[in-house]
């Protein structure tokens, strides 16, 4: 194995810290709490749809837990953002239909 220079080691540590703070916690949550340990799909397109749905679920869960802290603000925001929620539900349902059709 080739020995790394001090500059390469420093760069590697920086890249690792960035990766650990942005991407890995999300994948850890998807694997542990949303059952994404294994994908039962065939092909990259279906796997991409599966990951997209998992990301939507992760973001909704995060969004809802954020709003629990401020219930009054959540009620006001839901009233003001009804169209956004309806669009999100429509997108989710169309993705489910696409996933069902492609199987």
N, C-alpha and C. Protein backbone atom coordinates (compact mmCIF):
# COMPACT_ATOMS: atom_id res chain seq x y z
N UNK A 1 0.84 -1.17 0.00
CA UNK A 1 0.00 0.00 0.00
C UNK A 1 0.89 1.24 0.00
N UNK A 2 0.53 2.20 -0.82
CA UNK A 2 1.31 3.43 -0.96
C UNK A 2 1.08 4.35 0.24
N UNK A 3 2.17 4.88 0.78
CA UNK A 3 2.07 5.82 1.90
C UNK A 3 1.60 7.18 1.39
N UNK A 4 0.68 7.78 2.09
CA UNK A 4 0.13 9.07 1.70
C UNK A 4 0.97 10.20 2.27
N UNK A 5 1.04 11.28 1.51
CA UNK A 5 1.75 12.47 1.99
C UNK A 5 0.92 13.17 3.06
N UNK A 6 1.53 14.01 3.88
CA UNK A 6 0.75 14.74 4.90
C UNK A 6 -0.37 15.59 4.31
N UNK A 7 -0.14 16.17 3.13
CA UNK A 7 -1.18 16.97 2.49
C UNK A 7 -2.37 16.10 2.08
N UNK A 8 -2.08 14.91 1.55
CA UNK A 8 -3.15 14.01 1.16
C UNK A 8 -3.95 13.53 2.38
N UNK A 9 -3.25 13.28 3.48
CA UNK A 9 -3.92 12.85 4.71
C UNK A 9 -4.83 13.96 5.23
N UNK A 10 -4.34 15.19 5.18
CA UNK A 10 -5.12 16.33 5.65
C UNK A 10 -6.38 16.50 4.80
N UNK A 11 -6.21 16.39 3.46
CA UNK A 11 -7.35 16.51 2.55
C UNK A 11 -8.35 15.38 2.81
N UNK A 12 -7.84 14.18 3.01
CA UNK A 12 -8.71 13.04 3.29
C UNK A 12 -9.52 13.23 4.55
N UNK A 13 -8.90 13.76 5.60
CA UNK A 13 -9.61 14.02 6.85
C UNK A 13 -10.71 15.06 6.66
N UNK A 14 -10.40 16.11 5.90
CA UNK A 14 -11.41 17.15 5.63
C UNK A 14 -12.59 16.57 4.87
N UNK A 15 -12.29 15.77 3.83
CA UNK A 15 -13.37 15.17 3.04
C UNK A 15 -14.22 14.23 3.89
N UNK A 16 -13.58 13.48 4.78
CA UNK A 16 -14.32 12.56 5.65
C UNK A 16 -15.23 13.33 6.59
N UNK A 17 -14.76 14.43 7.15
CA UNK A 17 -15.59 15.19 8.08
C UNK A 17 -16.79 15.80 7.36
N UNK A 18 -16.60 16.26 6.13
CA UNK A 18 -17.72 16.81 5.36
C UNK A 18 -18.73 15.72 5.05
N UNK A 19 -18.25 14.56 4.63
CA UNK A 19 -19.13 13.45 4.29
C UNK A 19 -19.91 12.98 5.51
N UNK A 20 -19.25 12.91 6.66
CA UNK A 20 -19.93 12.45 7.87
C UNK A 20 -20.99 13.44 8.34
N UNK A 21 -20.78 14.70 8.07
CA UNK A 21 -21.75 15.68 8.57
C UNK A 21 -22.91 15.91 7.62
N UNK A 22 -22.82 15.48 6.36
CA UNK A 22 -23.88 15.77 5.41
C UNK A 22 -24.62 14.52 4.94
N UNK A 23 -23.90 13.52 4.45
CA UNK A 23 -24.54 12.41 3.76
C UNK A 23 -24.77 11.20 4.66
N UNK A 24 -23.77 10.81 5.42
CA UNK A 24 -23.86 9.55 6.15
C UNK A 24 -24.96 9.51 7.19
N UNK A 25 -25.25 10.59 7.92
CA UNK A 25 -26.38 10.50 8.87
C UNK A 25 -27.72 10.23 8.19
N UNK A 26 -27.90 10.76 7.00
CA UNK A 26 -29.16 10.53 6.27
C UNK A 26 -29.25 9.07 5.87
N UNK A 27 -28.17 8.50 5.32
CA UNK A 27 -28.21 7.09 4.94
C UNK A 27 -28.38 6.20 6.15
N UNK A 28 -27.75 6.58 7.27
CA UNK A 28 -27.92 5.80 8.50
C UNK A 28 -29.36 5.79 8.96
N UNK A 29 -30.02 6.93 8.89
CA UNK A 29 -31.43 7.01 9.27
C UNK A 29 -32.30 6.19 8.33
N UNK A 30 -32.02 6.28 7.03
CA UNK A 30 -32.81 5.50 6.06
C UNK A 30 -32.65 4.01 6.30
N UNK A 31 -31.44 3.59 6.60
CA UNK A 31 -31.19 2.16 6.81
C UNK A 31 -31.81 1.68 8.11
N UNK A 32 -31.59 2.41 9.20
CA UNK A 32 -32.03 1.94 10.51
C UNK A 32 -33.52 2.12 10.75
N UNK A 33 -34.08 3.25 10.38
CA UNK A 33 -35.45 3.56 10.76
C UNK A 33 -36.47 3.39 9.64
N UNK A 34 -36.05 3.45 8.41
CA UNK A 34 -37.01 3.34 7.30
C UNK A 34 -36.86 2.04 6.51
N UNK A 35 -36.03 1.13 6.99
CA UNK A 35 -35.92 -0.19 6.38
C UNK A 35 -35.32 -0.21 4.99
N UNK A 36 -34.36 0.66 4.73
CA UNK A 36 -33.76 0.72 3.39
C UNK A 36 -32.48 -0.11 3.31
N UNK A 37 -32.37 -1.12 4.16
CA UNK A 37 -31.18 -1.96 4.17
C UNK A 37 -31.03 -2.71 2.84
N UNK A 38 -32.16 -3.03 2.23
CA UNK A 38 -32.15 -3.81 1.00
C UNK A 38 -33.25 -3.29 0.09
N UNK A 39 -32.96 -3.17 -1.21
CA UNK A 39 -33.98 -2.72 -2.16
C UNK A 39 -34.45 -3.91 -2.98
N UNK A 40 -35.74 -4.11 -3.01
CA UNK A 40 -36.32 -5.22 -3.76
C UNK A 40 -36.86 -4.71 -5.09
N UNK A 41 -36.01 -4.06 -5.84
CA UNK A 41 -36.40 -3.57 -7.16
C UNK A 41 -35.40 -4.08 -8.18
N UNK A 42 -35.84 -4.05 -9.42
CA UNK A 42 -34.96 -4.47 -10.52
C UNK A 42 -34.64 -3.23 -11.35
N UNK A 43 -33.38 -2.94 -11.51
CA UNK A 43 -32.96 -1.82 -12.34
C UNK A 43 -32.70 -0.55 -11.56
N UNK A 44 -31.90 0.29 -12.18
CA UNK A 44 -31.50 1.54 -11.54
C UNK A 44 -32.68 2.52 -11.47
N UNK A 45 -33.52 2.57 -12.49
CA UNK A 45 -34.64 3.52 -12.49
C UNK A 45 -35.58 3.26 -11.32
N UNK A 46 -35.89 2.00 -11.08
CA UNK A 46 -36.79 1.68 -9.97
C UNK A 46 -36.10 1.95 -8.63
N UNK A 47 -34.81 1.67 -8.55
CA UNK A 47 -34.07 1.96 -7.33
C UNK A 47 -34.03 3.46 -7.06
N UNK A 48 -33.87 4.25 -8.12
CA UNK A 48 -33.89 5.70 -7.97
C UNK A 48 -35.25 6.18 -7.44
N UNK A 49 -36.33 5.61 -7.96
CA UNK A 49 -37.66 5.97 -7.48
C UNK A 49 -37.80 5.59 -6.01
N UNK A 50 -37.29 4.43 -5.66
CA UNK A 50 -37.35 3.97 -4.28
C UNK A 50 -36.60 4.92 -3.36
N UNK A 51 -35.42 5.35 -3.77
CA UNK A 51 -34.64 6.28 -2.96
C UNK A 51 -35.32 7.65 -2.89
N UNK A 52 -35.93 8.08 -3.97
CA UNK A 52 -36.65 9.35 -3.97
C UNK A 52 -37.80 9.33 -2.98
N UNK A 53 -38.57 8.24 -2.97
CA UNK A 53 -39.66 8.12 -2.02
C UNK A 53 -39.14 8.07 -0.58
N UNK A 54 -38.02 7.40 -0.38
CA UNK A 54 -37.44 7.35 0.96
C UNK A 54 -36.98 8.73 1.39
N UNK A 55 -36.41 9.50 0.46
CA UNK A 55 -35.97 10.86 0.78
C UNK A 55 -37.17 11.75 1.10
N UNK A 56 -38.27 11.58 0.37
CA UNK A 56 -39.48 12.35 0.66
C UNK A 56 -39.98 12.01 2.06
N UNK A 57 -39.99 10.71 2.38
CA UNK A 57 -40.45 10.29 3.71
C UNK A 57 -39.53 10.85 4.79
N UNK A 58 -38.22 10.82 4.56
CA UNK A 58 -37.26 11.35 5.53
C UNK A 58 -37.49 12.85 5.74
N UNK A 59 -37.67 13.58 4.66
CA UNK A 59 -37.86 15.03 4.77
C UNK A 59 -39.19 15.37 5.43
N UNK A 60 -40.25 14.60 5.12
CA UNK A 60 -41.54 14.83 5.78
C UNK A 60 -41.45 14.56 7.28
N UNK A 61 -40.75 13.48 7.64
CA UNK A 61 -40.58 13.16 9.05
C UNK A 61 -39.82 14.27 9.76
N UNK A 62 -38.79 14.77 9.12
CA UNK A 62 -37.99 15.85 9.69
C UNK A 62 -38.83 17.13 9.80
N UNK A 63 -39.60 17.41 8.77
CA UNK A 63 -40.45 18.60 8.74
C UNK A 63 -41.51 18.54 9.83
N UNK A 64 -42.15 17.39 9.99
CA UNK A 64 -43.19 17.25 11.00
C UNK A 64 -42.64 17.33 12.41
N UNK A 65 -41.47 16.77 12.65
CA UNK A 65 -40.89 16.86 13.99
C UNK A 65 -40.46 18.28 14.30
N UNK A 66 -40.08 19.02 13.29
CA UNK A 66 -39.72 20.43 13.49
C UNK A 66 -40.94 21.23 13.90
N UNK A 67 -42.08 20.95 13.27
CA UNK A 67 -43.31 21.71 13.55
C UNK A 67 -43.94 21.34 14.88
N UNK A 68 -43.62 20.18 15.43
CA UNK A 68 -44.18 19.81 16.73
C UNK A 68 -43.73 20.79 17.80
N UNK A 69 -42.57 21.38 17.62
CA UNK A 69 -42.05 22.32 18.60
C UNK A 69 -42.89 23.58 18.64
N UNK A 70 -43.41 23.99 17.51
CA UNK A 70 -44.18 25.23 17.42
C UNK A 70 -45.54 24.93 16.82
N UNK A 71 -46.45 24.42 17.61
CA UNK A 71 -47.75 23.98 17.08
C UNK A 71 -48.54 25.13 16.49
N UNK A 72 -48.52 26.26 17.14
CA UNK A 72 -49.28 27.40 16.61
C UNK A 72 -48.75 27.84 15.26
N UNK A 73 -47.43 27.89 15.13
CA UNK A 73 -46.84 28.25 13.84
C UNK A 73 -47.16 27.22 12.78
N UNK A 74 -47.21 25.95 13.16
CA UNK A 74 -47.52 24.90 12.21
C UNK A 74 -48.94 25.04 11.67
N UNK A 75 -49.87 25.36 12.55
CA UNK A 75 -51.26 25.52 12.12
C UNK A 75 -51.37 26.67 11.12
N UNK A 76 -50.73 27.78 11.44
CA UNK A 76 -50.75 28.93 10.52
C UNK A 76 -50.09 28.58 9.19
N UNK A 77 -48.97 27.85 9.26
CA UNK A 77 -48.25 27.52 8.03
C UNK A 77 -49.04 26.55 7.16
N UNK A 78 -49.73 25.59 7.79
CA UNK A 78 -50.54 24.65 7.02
C UNK A 78 -51.67 25.39 6.30
N UNK A 79 -52.27 26.34 6.99
CA UNK A 79 -53.32 27.12 6.35
C UNK A 79 -52.77 27.91 5.16
N UNK A 80 -51.58 28.47 5.32
CA UNK A 80 -50.99 29.28 4.26
C UNK A 80 -50.36 28.46 3.15
N UNK A 81 -49.95 27.25 3.46
CA UNK A 81 -49.21 26.44 2.49
C UNK A 81 -49.99 25.22 2.02
N UNK A 82 -51.30 25.31 1.99
CA UNK A 82 -52.12 24.19 1.58
C UNK A 82 -51.81 23.70 0.17
N UNK A 83 -51.56 24.62 -0.73
CA UNK A 83 -51.26 24.23 -2.11
C UNK A 83 -49.96 23.45 -2.21
N UNK A 84 -48.96 23.85 -1.42
CA UNK A 84 -47.68 23.11 -1.46
C UNK A 84 -47.88 21.67 -0.98
N UNK A 85 -48.68 21.49 0.05
CA UNK A 85 -48.92 20.15 0.57
C UNK A 85 -49.68 19.31 -0.46
N UNK A 86 -50.66 19.91 -1.11
CA UNK A 86 -51.43 19.19 -2.13
C UNK A 86 -50.52 18.79 -3.28
N UNK A 87 -49.62 19.70 -3.71
CA UNK A 87 -48.67 19.36 -4.79
C UNK A 87 -47.76 18.22 -4.37
N UNK A 88 -47.30 18.24 -3.13
CA UNK A 88 -46.43 17.19 -2.63
C UNK A 88 -47.15 15.84 -2.62
N UNK A 89 -48.39 15.84 -2.20
CA UNK A 89 -49.17 14.59 -2.17
C UNK A 89 -49.40 14.09 -3.59
N UNK A 90 -49.72 15.00 -4.52
CA UNK A 90 -49.91 14.59 -5.92
C UNK A 90 -48.64 13.98 -6.49
N UNK A 91 -47.48 14.61 -6.21
CA UNK A 91 -46.21 14.08 -6.69
C UNK A 91 -45.95 12.70 -6.10
N UNK A 92 -46.19 12.55 -4.82
CA UNK A 92 -45.99 11.28 -4.15
C UNK A 92 -46.87 10.20 -4.76
N UNK A 93 -48.14 10.53 -5.00
CA UNK A 93 -49.05 9.55 -5.59
C UNK A 93 -48.68 9.19 -7.02
N UNK A 94 -48.22 10.18 -7.79
CA UNK A 94 -47.82 9.87 -9.16
C UNK A 94 -46.57 8.99 -9.18
N UNK A 95 -45.65 9.22 -8.22
CA UNK A 95 -44.48 8.35 -8.13
C UNK A 95 -44.87 6.93 -7.74
N UNK A 96 -45.85 6.81 -6.84
CA UNK A 96 -46.33 5.48 -6.49
C UNK A 96 -46.96 4.79 -7.68
N UNK A 97 -47.73 5.54 -8.48
CA UNK A 97 -48.33 4.95 -9.68
C UNK A 97 -47.25 4.53 -10.67
N UNK A 98 -46.24 5.36 -10.87
CA UNK A 98 -45.15 5.01 -11.77
C UNK A 98 -44.45 3.76 -11.28
N UNK A 99 -44.24 3.65 -9.98
CA UNK A 99 -43.57 2.49 -9.43
C UNK A 99 -44.43 1.25 -9.61
N UNK A 100 -45.75 1.40 -9.45
CA UNK A 100 -46.67 0.27 -9.62
C UNK A 100 -46.74 -0.16 -11.08
N UNK A 101 -46.76 0.82 -12.00
CA UNK A 101 -46.86 0.51 -13.44
C UNK A 101 -45.60 -0.16 -13.94
N UNK A 102 -44.44 0.30 -13.45
CA UNK A 102 -43.18 -0.23 -13.98
C UNK A 102 -42.86 -1.62 -13.45
N UNK A 103 -43.60 -2.08 -12.45
CA UNK A 103 -43.35 -3.45 -11.93
C UNK A 103 -43.96 -4.47 -12.78
